[in-house]
Every structure is written in C-alpha cells, then in structure tokens.
Amino acid sequence: MLISSYHHVLKSKWLQGKQNRRADHLVYILVNEMIPSYQIIQDCYQLEFEGLNLEVKHCMEILARTPEINAENIRGLGAGDRFYVQSVTDPSCEYLVDLNNRSW
C-alpha cells in the first residue's frame, strides 16, 4: 500500500500525470526535485521534534488559557485533600476538588 501511494504521488505530482517518461527524466525528477522537497519536509518535522516535548507544550497551552485563581477562592474542607474552588467566570459556583480521587 505504501509503495502504491508513493507511485501515485510520483506520477500525479512530479511527473504531471504523464505515463511514458524516459528513465533519465525519471532519475532527474527523483534526484533534483522530489528528494529535495521531501528533505525540506523532513527538516521541518525535525525542528518540531527539537522544540518543547508534547507534554510541556500542552501544559503551557493550558496555562496560557487558564485564568489565575487566588488563594481566597480556595476553601479547605478540614481534610488536607478536599477543597472547594470558586469559579473564576461565575463567582456563585464552586467546584469540589478531591485530590485522592482526582475528580473535579
């Protein structure tokens, strides 16, 4: 399946759909156009991999969208692992946070 998809891309994109090409033309297209194009794509992917790892990137995105919660908006329930947290967007709403059950 992978070979047929590369064959399809080669014929449709790089050889403009023409069926009969000389072997030297095919080699020229592969070496001078197709491989350098794929190398550019690979370099772009490599730059993405060298950036932040996905977990750190995801955490940073969440933190950027999350408004700050003041300490006054958190009310303990006696035990050190259960809290009520007041909603930032609706001050009349509170959420129960249980750190043992990891439920919010």
C-alpha atoms as a PDB file:
ATOM      1  CA  MET A   1       0.000   0.000   0.000  1.00  0.00           C
ATOM      2  CA  LEU A   2       2.798   2.435   0.892  1.00  0.00           C
ATOM      3  CA  ILE A   3       4.589   1.791  -2.398  1.00  0.00           C
ATOM      4  CA  SER A   4       1.439   2.388  -4.427  1.00  0.00           C
ATOM      5  CA  SER A   5       0.815   5.724  -2.660  1.00  0.00           C
ATOM      6  CA  TYR A   6       4.382   6.874  -3.433  1.00  0.00           C
ATOM      7  CA  HIS A   7       3.893   5.718  -7.026  1.00  0.00           C
ATOM      8  CA  HIS A   8       0.668   7.714  -7.224  1.00  0.00           C
ATOM      9  CA  VAL A   9       2.337  10.862  -5.824  1.00  0.00           C
ATOM     10  CA  LEU A  10       5.302  10.435  -8.159  1.00  0.00           C
ATOM     11  CA  LYS A  11       3.096  10.118 -11.238  1.00  0.00           C
ATOM     12  CA  SER A  12       0.481  12.728 -10.334  1.00  0.00           C
ATOM     13  CA  LYS A  13       2.616  15.458  -8.772  1.00  0.00           C
ATOM     14  CA  TRP A  14       6.164  15.060 -10.014  1.00  0.00           C
ATOM     15  CA  LEU A  15       5.543  13.646 -13.492  1.00  0.00           C
ATOM     16  CA  GLN A  16       2.367  15.671 -14.127  1.00  0.00           C
ATOM     17  CA  GLY A  17       0.345  12.509 -14.781  1.00  0.00           C
ATOM     18  CA  LYS A  18       2.220  11.563 -17.935  1.00  0.00           C
ATOM     19  CA  GLN A  19       2.646   7.830 -18.351  1.00  0.00           C
ATOM     20  CA  ASN A  20       5.623   7.493 -20.659  1.00  0.00           C
ATOM     21  CA  ARG A  21       8.796   9.158 -19.457  1.00  0.00           C
ATOM     22  CA  ARG A  22      12.344   8.231 -20.218  1.00  0.00           C
ATOM     23  CA  ALA A  23      14.354   6.686 -17.394  1.00  0.00           C
ATOM     24  CA  ASP A  24      16.834   9.562 -17.341  1.00  0.00           C
ATOM     25  CA  HIS A  25      13.955  12.031 -16.889  1.00  0.00           C
ATOM     26  CA  LEU A  26      12.581   9.950 -14.004  1.00  0.00           C
ATOM     27  CA  VAL A  27      16.014   9.863 -12.317  1.00  0.00           C
ATOM     28  CA  TYR A  28      16.372  13.623 -12.815  1.00  0.00           C
ATOM     29  CA  ILE A  29      12.955  14.300 -11.202  1.00  0.00           C
ATOM     30  CA  LEU A  30      13.731  11.994  -8.268  1.00  0.00           C
ATOM     31  CA  VAL A  31      17.199  13.391  -7.546  1.00  0.00           C
ATOM     32  CA  ASN A  32      16.691  17.083  -8.276  1.00  0.00           C
ATOM     33  CA  GLU A  33      13.083  17.739  -7.314  1.00  0.00           C
ATOM     34  CA  MET A  34      11.361  15.008  -5.294  1.00  0.00           C
ATOM     35  CA  ILE A  35      14.118  14.128  -2.805  1.00  0.00           C
ATOM     36  CA  PRO A  36      14.997  17.792  -2.008  1.00  0.00           C
ATOM     37  CA  SER A  37      11.307  18.518  -1.449  1.00  0.00           C
ATOM     38  CA  TYR A  38      10.986  15.596   0.972  1.00  0.00           C
ATOM     39  CA  GLN A  39      14.193  16.734   2.694  1.00  0.00           C
ATOM     40  CA  ILE A  40      12.645  20.148   3.359  1.00  0.00           C
ATOM     41  CA  ILE A  41       9.569  18.491   4.845  1.00  0.00           C
ATOM     42  CA  GLN A  42      11.776  16.234   6.995  1.00  0.00           C
ATOM     43  CA  ASP A  43      13.778  19.248   8.214  1.00  0.00           C
ATOM     44  CA  CYS A  44      10.564  20.990   9.246  1.00  0.00           C
ATOM     45  CA  TYR A  45       9.437  17.908  11.184  1.00  0.00           C
ATOM     46  CA  GLN A  46      12.846  17.698  12.833  1.00  0.00           C
ATOM     47  CA  LEU A  47      12.572  21.304  14.023  1.00  0.00           C
ATOM     48  CA  GLU A  48       9.209  20.485  15.605  1.00  0.00           C
ATOM     49  CA  PHE A  49      10.735  17.497  17.419  1.00  0.00           C
ATOM     50  CA  GLU A  50      13.593  19.616  18.736  1.00  0.00           C
ATOM     51  CA  GLY A  51      11.133  22.050  20.311  1.00  0.00           C
ATOM     52  CA  LEU A  52       9.288  21.515  23.561  1.00  0.00           C
ATOM     53  CA  ASN A  53       8.114  17.991  24.184  1.00  0.00           C
ATOM     54  CA  LEU A  54       4.388  17.488  23.704  1.00  0.00           C
ATOM     55  CA  GLU A  55       3.576  17.271  27.415  1.00  0.00           C
ATOM     56  CA  VAL A  56       5.312  20.565  28.233  1.00  0.00           C
ATOM     57  CA  LYS A  57       3.777  22.222  25.177  1.00  0.00           C
ATOM     58  CA  HIS A  58       0.282  21.024  26.178  1.00  0.00           C
ATOM     59  CA  CYS A  59       0.742  22.265  29.769  1.00  0.00           C
ATOM     60  CA  MET A  60       1.893  25.654  28.520  1.00  0.00           C
ATOM     61  CA  GLU A  61      -1.171  25.925  26.262  1.00  0.00           C
ATOM     62  CA  ILE A  62      -3.481  25.097  29.185  1.00  0.00           C
ATOM     63  CA  LEU A  63      -1.778  27.602  31.469  1.00  0.00           C
ATOM     64  CA  ALA A  64      -1.998  30.322  28.823  1.00  0.00           C
ATOM     65  CA  ARG A  65      -5.794  29.841  28.627  1.00  0.00           C
ATOM     66  CA  THR A  66      -6.327  29.428  32.365  1.00  0.00           C
ATOM     67  CA  PRO A  67      -7.111  32.471  34.457  1.00  0.00           C
ATOM     68  CA  GLU A  68      -5.313  32.793  37.762  1.00  0.00           C
ATOM     69  CA  ILE A  69      -7.086  31.510  40.850  1.00  0.00           C
ATOM     70  CA  ASN A  70      -6.429  33.480  44.008  1.00  0.00           C
ATOM     71  CA  ALA A  71      -5.881  31.730  47.328  1.00  0.00           C
ATOM     72  CA  GLU A  72      -9.064  33.419  48.583  1.00  0.00           C
ATOM     73  CA  ASN A  73     -11.029  31.391  46.012  1.00  0.00           C
ATOM     74  CA  ILE A  74      -9.957  28.078  47.587  1.00  0.00           C
ATOM     75  CA  ARG A  75     -11.681  26.813  50.747  1.00  0.00           C
ATOM     76  CA  GLY A  76     -10.418  23.717  52.546  1.00  0.00           C
ATOM     77  CA  LEU A  77     -12.800  21.110  53.972  1.00  0.00           C
ATOM     78  CA  GLY A  78     -10.773  20.153  57.035  1.00  0.00           C
ATOM     79  CA  ALA A  79      -9.021  17.203  55.437  1.00  0.00           C
ATOM     80  CA  GLY A  80      -5.926  18.241  53.511  1.00  0.00           C
ATOM     81  CA  ASP A  81      -7.039  16.631  50.271  1.00  0.00           C
ATOM     82  CA  ARG A  82     -10.528  18.107  49.657  1.00  0.00           C
ATOM     83  CA  PHE A  83     -11.266  21.680  48.668  1.00  0.00           C
ATOM     84  CA  TYR A  84     -13.927  23.898  47.245  1.00  0.00           C
ATOM     85  CA  VAL A  85     -12.650  26.147  44.460  1.00  0.00           C
ATOM     86  CA  GLN A  86     -14.718  29.146  43.426  1.00  0.00           C
ATOM     87  CA  SER A  87     -15.290  29.510  39.693  1.00  0.00           C
ATOM     88  CA  VAL A  88     -13.417  32.399  38.100  1.00  0.00           C
ATOM     89  CA  THR A  89     -16.114  33.017  35.494  1.00  0.00           C
ATOM     90  CA  ASP A  90     -19.121  32.538  37.834  1.00  0.00           C
ATOM     91  CA  PRO A  91     -18.380  33.535  41.459  1.00  0.00           C
ATOM     92  CA  SER A  92     -21.632  31.927  42.671  1.00  0.00           C
ATOM     93  CA  CYS A  93     -20.405  28.495  41.531  1.00  0.00           C
ATOM     94  CA  GLU A  94     -17.962  26.295  43.456  1.00  0.00           C
ATOM     95  CA  TYR A  95     -16.235  23.078  42.409  1.00  0.00           C
ATOM     96  CA  LEU A  96     -15.341  20.227  44.750  1.00  0.00           C
ATOM     97  CA  VAL A  97     -11.767  19.072  44.223  1.00  0.00           C
ATOM     98  CA  ASP A  98     -10.755  15.750  45.776  1.00  0.00           C
ATOM     99  CA  LEU A  99      -7.045  15.113  45.264  1.00  0.00           C
ATOM    100  CA  ASN A 100      -7.371  11.460  46.288  1.00  0.00           C
ATOM    101  CA  ASN A 101      -9.958  10.658  43.619  1.00  0.00           C
ATOM    102  CA  ARG A 102      -8.579  13.118  41.090  1.00  0.00           C
ATOM    103  CA  SER A 103     -12.119  14.235  40.377  1.00  0.00           C
ATOM    104  CA  TRP A 104     -13.123  17.821  39.859  1.00  0.00           C
END
